[in-house]
PDB file of all heavy atoms in Angstrom:
ATOM      1  N   GLU A   1     164.879-119.225  21.735  1.00  0.00           N
ATOM      2  CA  GLU A   1     163.714-118.501  22.184  1.00  0.00           C
ATOM      3  C   GLU A   1     162.647-119.457  22.797  1.00  0.00           C
ATOM      4  O   GLU A   1     161.989-119.117  23.779  1.00  0.00           O
ATOM      5  CB  GLU A   1     163.036-117.692  21.058  1.00  0.00           C
ATOM      6  CG  GLU A   1     162.466-118.462  19.938  1.00  0.00           C
ATOM      7  CD  GLU A   1     163.424-118.943  18.854  1.00  0.00           C
ATOM      8  OE1 GLU A   1     164.688-118.844  19.096  1.00  0.00           O
ATOM      9  OE2 GLU A   1     162.973-119.412  17.813  1.00  0.00           O
ATOM     10  N   LYS A   2     162.595-120.661  22.226  1.00  0.00           N
ATOM     11  CA  LYS A   2     161.644-121.651  22.780  1.00  0.00           C
ATOM     12  C   LYS A   2     162.228-122.225  24.097  1.00  0.00           C
ATOM     13  O   LYS A   2     161.446-122.518  25.048  1.00  0.00           O
ATOM     14  CB  LYS A   2     161.419-122.785  21.768  1.00  0.00           C
ATOM     15  CG  LYS A   2     160.648-122.313  20.494  1.00  0.00           C
ATOM     16  CD  LYS A   2     160.477-123.382  19.518  1.00  0.00           C
ATOM     17  CE  LYS A   2     159.344-124.346  19.850  1.00  0.00           C
ATOM     18  NZ  LYS A   2     159.029-125.272  18.764  1.00  0.00           N
ATOM     19  N   ALA A   3     163.537-122.365  24.203  1.00  0.00           N
ATOM     20  CA  ALA A   3     164.124-122.782  25.437  1.00  0.00           C
ATOM     21  C   ALA A   3     163.795-121.808  26.566  1.00  0.00           C
ATOM     22  O   ALA A   3     163.448-122.219  27.705  1.00  0.00           O
ATOM     23  CB  ALA A   3     165.622-123.013  25.232  1.00  0.00           C
ATOM     24  N   ARG A   4     163.920-120.555  26.259  1.00  0.00           N
ATOM     25  CA  ARG A   4     163.644-119.563  27.277  1.00  0.00           C
ATOM     26  C   ARG A   4     162.163-119.633  27.728  1.00  0.00           C
ATOM     27  O   ARG A   4     161.870-119.522  28.913  1.00  0.00           O
ATOM     28  CB  ARG A   4     164.009-118.141  26.737  1.00  0.00           C
ATOM     29  CG  ARG A   4     165.459-117.866  26.639  1.00  0.00           C
ATOM     30  CD  ARG A   4     165.696-116.415  26.360  1.00  0.00           C
ATOM     31  NE  ARG A   4     165.211-115.991  25.070  1.00  0.00           N
ATOM     32  CZ  ARG A   4     165.921-116.047  23.922  1.00  0.00           C
ATOM     33  NH1 ARG A   4     167.181-116.473  23.941  1.00  0.00           N
ATOM     34  NH2 ARG A   4     165.409-115.622  22.784  1.00  0.00           N
ATOM     35  N   ARG A   5     161.299-119.747  26.778  1.00  0.00           N
ATOM     36  CA  ARG A   5     159.915-119.820  27.150  1.00  0.00           C
ATOM     37  C   ARG A   5     159.589-121.075  28.011  1.00  0.00           C
ATOM     38  O   ARG A   5     158.807-120.946  28.936  1.00  0.00           O
ATOM     39  CB  ARG A   5     158.991-119.800  25.919  1.00  0.00           C
ATOM     40  CG  ARG A   5     157.499-119.864  26.214  1.00  0.00           C
ATOM     41  CD  ARG A   5     156.644-119.562  25.056  1.00  0.00           C
ATOM     42  NE  ARG A   5     155.246-119.739  25.375  1.00  0.00           N
ATOM     43  CZ  ARG A   5     154.227-119.475  24.591  1.00  0.00           C
ATOM     44  NH1 ARG A   5     154.433-118.948  23.442  1.00  0.00           N
ATOM     45  NH2 ARG A   5     152.959-119.704  25.014  1.00  0.00           N
ATOM     46  N   LEU A   6     160.182-122.209  27.616  1.00  0.00           N
ATOM     47  CA  LEU A   6     160.007-123.392  28.425  1.00  0.00           C
ATOM     48  C   LEU A   6     160.456-123.165  29.858  1.00  0.00           C
ATOM     49  O   LEU A   6     159.734-123.575  30.849  1.00  0.00           O
ATOM     50  CB  LEU A   6     160.727-124.587  27.777  1.00  0.00           C
ATOM     51  CG  LEU A   6     160.524-125.909  28.525  1.00  0.00           C
ATOM     52  CD1 LEU A   6     159.092-126.411  28.418  1.00  0.00           C
ATOM     53  CD2 LEU A   6     161.519-126.957  27.948  1.00  0.00           C
ATOM     54  N   ALA A   7     161.641-122.567  30.044  1.00  0.00           N
ATOM     55  CA  ALA A   7     162.147-122.339  31.408  1.00  0.00           C
ATOM     56  C   ALA A   7     161.215-121.432  32.170  1.00  0.00           C
ATOM     57  O   ALA A   7     161.084-121.555  33.386  1.00  0.00           O
ATOM     58  CB  ALA A   7     163.562-121.693  31.262  1.00  0.00           C
ATOM     59  N   GLU A   8     160.530-120.514  31.489  1.00  0.00           N
ATOM     60  CA  GLU A   8     159.639-119.582  32.182  1.00  0.00           C
ATOM     61  C   GLU A   8     158.274-120.102  32.530  1.00  0.00           C
ATOM     62  O   GLU A   8     157.614-119.703  33.449  1.00  0.00           O
ATOM     63  CB  GLU A   8     159.489-118.305  31.328  1.00  0.00           C
ATOM     64  CG  GLU A   8     160.763-117.463  31.168  1.00  0.00           C
ATOM     65  CD  GLU A   8     160.661-116.481  30.033  1.00  0.00           C
ATOM     66  OE1 GLU A   8     159.610-116.429  29.345  1.00  0.00           O
ATOM     67  OE2 GLU A   8     161.615-115.704  29.882  1.00  0.00           O
ATOM     68  N   THR A   9     157.823-121.106  31.709  1.00  0.00           N
ATOM     69  CA  THR A   9     156.431-121.544  31.814  1.00  0.00           C
ATOM     70  C   THR A   9     156.170-122.948  32.340  1.00  0.00           C
ATOM     71  O   THR A   9     155.021-123.369  32.523  1.00  0.00           O
ATOM     72  CB  THR A   9     155.708-121.400  30.477  1.00  0.00           C
ATOM     73  OG1 THR A   9     156.388-122.249  29.504  1.00  0.00           O
ATOM     74  CG2 THR A   9     155.696-119.991  29.984  1.00  0.00           C
ATOM     75  N   SER A  10     157.252-123.701  32.555  1.00  0.00           N
ATOM     76  CA  SER A  10     157.106-125.079  33.018  1.00  0.00           C
ATOM     77  C   SER A  10     157.897-125.302  34.298  1.00  0.00           C
ATOM     78  O   SER A  10     158.782-124.496  34.621  1.00  0.00           O
ATOM     79  CB  SER A  10     157.556-126.053  31.910  1.00  0.00           C
ATOM     80  OG  SER A  10     158.990-126.215  31.987  1.00  0.00           O
ATOM     81  N   PRO A  11     157.637-126.410  35.016  1.00  0.00           N
ATOM     82  CA  PRO A  11     158.380-126.662  36.258  1.00  0.00           C
ATOM     83  C   PRO A  11     159.763-127.279  36.034  1.00  0.00           C
ATOM     84  O   PRO A  11     160.398-127.758  37.009  1.00  0.00           O
ATOM     85  CB  PRO A  11     157.441-127.662  36.975  1.00  0.00           C
ATOM     86  CG  PRO A  11     156.764-128.408  35.878  1.00  0.00           C
ATOM     87  CD  PRO A  11     156.534-127.396  34.771  1.00  0.00           C
ATOM     88  N   VAL A  12     160.280-127.324  34.753  1.00  0.00           N
ATOM     89  CA  VAL A  12     161.557-127.951  34.535  1.00  0.00           C
ATOM     90  C   VAL A  12     162.665-127.283  35.336  1.00  0.00           C
ATOM     91  O   VAL A  12     162.573-126.081  35.607  1.00  0.00           O
ATOM     92  CB  VAL A  12     161.845-127.825  32.977  1.00  0.00           C
ATOM     93  CG1 VAL A  12     162.096-126.379  32.597  1.00  0.00           C
ATOM     94  CG2 VAL A  12     162.953-128.735  32.569  1.00  0.00           C
ATOM     95  N   ASP A  13     163.642-128.056  35.715  1.00  0.00           N
ATOM     96  CA  ASP A  13     164.743-127.514  36.516  1.00  0.00           C
ATOM     97  C   ASP A  13     165.760-126.743  35.735  1.00  0.00           C
ATOM     98  O   ASP A  13     166.380-125.784  36.180  1.00  0.00           O
ATOM     99  CB  ASP A  13     165.404-128.694  37.271  1.00  0.00           C
ATOM    100  CG  ASP A  13     164.489-129.284  38.308  1.00  0.00           C
ATOM    101  OD1 ASP A  13     164.209-128.610  39.351  1.00  0.00           O
ATOM    102  OD2 ASP A  13     164.025-130.419  38.072  1.00  0.00           O
ATOM    103  N   GLN A  14     166.004-127.194  34.450  1.00  0.00           N
ATOM    104  CA  GLN A  14     166.982-126.573  33.627  1.00  0.00           C
ATOM    105  C   GLN A  14     166.695-126.888  32.173  1.00  0.00           C
ATOM    106  O   GLN A  14     166.296-127.980  31.870  1.00  0.00           O
ATOM    107  CB  GLN A  14     168.417-126.974  34.052  1.00  0.00           C
ATOM    108  CG  GLN A  14     169.535-126.181  33.389  1.00  0.00           C
ATOM    109  CD  GLN A  14     170.866-126.495  33.965  1.00  0.00           C
ATOM    110  OE1 GLN A  14     171.048-127.307  34.872  1.00  0.00           O
ATOM    111  NE2 GLN A  14     171.963-125.873  33.484  1.00  0.00           N
ATOM    112  N   VAL A  15     167.011-125.911  31.281  1.00  0.00           N
ATOM    113  CA  VAL A  15     166.753-126.115  29.874  1.00  0.00           C
ATOM    114  C   VAL A  15     168.059-125.807  29.122  1.00  0.00           C
ATOM    115  O   VAL A  15     168.717-124.776  29.376  1.00  0.00           O
ATOM    116  CB  VAL A  15     165.646-125.238  29.297  1.00  0.00           C
ATOM    117  CG1 VAL A  15     165.412-125.570  27.840  1.00  0.00           C
ATOM    118  CG2 VAL A  15     164.395-125.409  30.136  1.00  0.00           C
ATOM    119  N   PHE A  16     168.471-126.755  28.207  1.00  0.00           N
ATOM    120  CA  PHE A  16     169.639-126.543  27.357  1.00  0.00           C
ATOM    121  C   PHE A  16     169.214-126.329  25.907  1.00  0.00           C
ATOM    122  O   PHE A  16     168.295-127.001  25.453  1.00  0.00           O
ATOM    123  CB  PHE A  16     170.520-127.830  27.419  1.00  0.00           C
ATOM    124  CG  PHE A  16     171.125-128.098  28.804  1.00  0.00           C
ATOM    125  CD1 PHE A  16     170.371-128.800  29.778  1.00  0.00           C
ATOM    126  CD2 PHE A  16     172.376-127.606  29.111  1.00  0.00           C
ATOM    127  CE1 PHE A  16     170.928-129.070  30.999  1.00  0.00           C
ATOM    128  CE2 PHE A  16     172.949-127.879  30.342  1.00  0.00           C
ATOM    129  CZ  PHE A  16     172.205-128.617  31.317  1.00  0.00           C
ATOM    130  N   VAL A  17     169.921-125.512  25.199  1.00  0.00           N
ATOM    131  CA  VAL A  17     169.762-125.390  23.789  1.00  0.00           C
ATOM    132  C   VAL A  17     170.480-126.530  23.112  1.00  0.00           C
ATOM    133  O   VAL A  17     171.693-126.754  23.385  1.00  0.00           O
ATOM    134  CB  VAL A  17     170.259-124.044  23.267  1.00  0.00           C
ATOM    135  CG1 VAL A  17     170.121-123.944  21.710  1.00  0.00           C
ATOM    136  CG2 VAL A  17     169.508-122.871  23.904  1.00  0.00           C
ATOM    137  N   ASP A  18     169.834-127.283  22.278  1.00  0.00           N
ATOM    138  CA  ASP A  18     170.374-128.478  21.720  1.00  0.00           C
ATOM    139  C   ASP A  18     171.540-128.129  20.821  1.00  0.00           C
ATOM    140  O   ASP A  18     171.641-127.034  20.188  1.00  0.00           O
ATOM    141  CB  ASP A  18     169.296-129.254  20.912  1.00  0.00           C
ATOM    142  CG  ASP A  18     169.439-130.735  21.080  1.00  0.00           C
ATOM    143  OD1 ASP A  18     170.536-131.247  21.276  1.00  0.00           O
ATOM    144  OD2 ASP A  18     168.397-131.466  21.056  1.00  0.00           O
ATOM    145  N   GLY A  19     172.413-129.136  20.609  1.00  0.00           N
ATOM    146  CA  GLY A  19     173.549-128.974  19.726  1.00  0.00           C
ATOM    147  C   GLY A  19     174.388-130.212  19.722  1.00  0.00           C
ATOM    148  O   GLY A  19     174.105-131.198  20.435  1.00  0.00           O
ATOM    149  N   ASP A  20     175.489-130.242  18.876  1.00  0.00           N
ATOM    150  CA  ASP A  20     176.311-131.426  18.794  1.00  0.00           C
ATOM    151  C   ASP A  20     176.958-131.839  20.106  1.00  0.00           C
ATOM    152  O   ASP A  20     177.233-133.044  20.285  1.00  0.00           O
ATOM    153  CB  ASP A  20     177.361-131.238  17.697  1.00  0.00           C
ATOM    154  CG  ASP A  20     176.832-131.067  16.357  1.00  0.00           C
ATOM    155  OD1 ASP A  20     175.704-131.502  16.066  1.00  0.00           O
ATOM    156  OD2 ASP A  20     177.584-130.551  15.454  1.00  0.00           O
ATOM    157  N   ASP A  21     177.160-130.893  20.997  1.00  0.00           N
ATOM    158  CA  ASP A  21     177.857-131.177  22.265  1.00  0.00           C
ATOM    159  C   ASP A  21     176.891-131.279  23.428  1.00  0.00           C
ATOM    160  O   ASP A  21     177.301-131.108  24.589  1.00  0.00           O
ATOM    161  CB  ASP A  21     178.923-130.130  22.569  1.00  0.00           C
ATOM    162  CG  ASP A  21     178.310-128.714  22.711  1.00  0.00           C
ATOM    163  OD1 ASP A  21     177.144-128.536  22.304  1.00  0.00           O
ATOM    164  OD2 ASP A  21     178.992-127.866  23.271  1.00  0.00           O
ATOM    165  N   ILE A  22     175.575-131.546  23.153  1.00  0.00           N
ATOM    166  CA  ILE A  22     174.597-131.486  24.194  1.00  0.00           C
ATOM    167  C   ILE A  22     174.912-132.478  25.291  1.00  0.00           C
ATOM    168  O   ILE A  22     174.703-132.195  26.502  1.00  0.00           O
ATOM    169  CB  ILE A  22     173.159-131.717  23.613  1.00  0.00           C
ATOM    170  CG1 ILE A  22     172.131-131.480  24.744  1.00  0.00           C
ATOM    171  CG2 ILE A  22     173.040-133.096  22.932  1.00  0.00           C
ATOM    172  CD1 ILE A  22     172.044-130.121  25.245  1.00  0.00           C
ATOM    173  N   ALA A  23     175.343-133.689  24.982  1.00  0.00           N
ATOM    174  CA  ALA A  23     175.578-134.699  26.023  1.00  0.00           C
ATOM    175  C   ALA A  23     176.661-134.239  26.982  1.00  0.00           C
ATOM    176  O   ALA A  23     176.533-134.365  28.206  1.00  0.00           O
ATOM    177  CB  ALA A  23     176.010-136.017  25.393  1.00  0.00           C
ATOM    178  N   GLU A  24     177.722-133.652  26.420  1.00  0.00           N
ATOM    179  CA  GLU A  24     178.789-133.179  27.300  1.00  0.00           C
ATOM    180  C   GLU A  24     178.396-132.046  28.188  1.00  0.00           C
ATOM    181  O   GLU A  24     178.754-131.943  29.348  1.00  0.00           O
ATOM    182  CB  GLU A  24     180.014-132.739  26.392  1.00  0.00           C
ATOM    183  CG  GLU A  24     180.683-133.893  25.647  1.00  0.00           C
ATOM    184  CD  GLU A  24     179.872-134.507  24.527  1.00  0.00           C
ATOM    185  OE1 GLU A  24     179.033-133.799  23.970  1.00  0.00           O
ATOM    186  OE2 GLU A  24     180.061-135.750  24.244  1.00  0.00           O
ATOM    187  N   ARG A  25     177.590-131.103  27.643  1.00  0.00           N
ATOM    188  CA  ARG A  25     177.145-129.973  28.450  1.00  0.00           C
ATOM    189  C   ARG A  25     176.143-130.420  29.546  1.00  0.00           C
ATOM    190  O   ARG A  25     176.231-129.934  30.693  1.00  0.00           O
ATOM    191  CB  ARG A  25     176.463-128.902  27.549  1.00  0.00           C
ATOM    192  CG  ARG A  25     177.452-128.090  26.749  1.00  0.00           C
ATOM    193  CD  ARG A  25     176.814-126.963  25.990  1.00  0.00           C
ATOM    194  NE  ARG A  25     176.026-127.461  24.849  1.00  0.00           N
ATOM    195  CZ  ARG A  25     174.789-127.243  24.627  1.00  0.00           C
ATOM    196  NH1 ARG A  25     174.020-126.566  25.469  1.00  0.00           N
ATOM    197  NH2 ARG A  25     174.205-127.649  23.498  1.00  0.00           N
TER     198      ARG A  25
END
């Protein structure tokens, strides 16, 4: 839910939900 809000309210290009495979994704 915080990742979605960040994507909506900031100029970031892409937001990922963190997890063990974050580097690979």
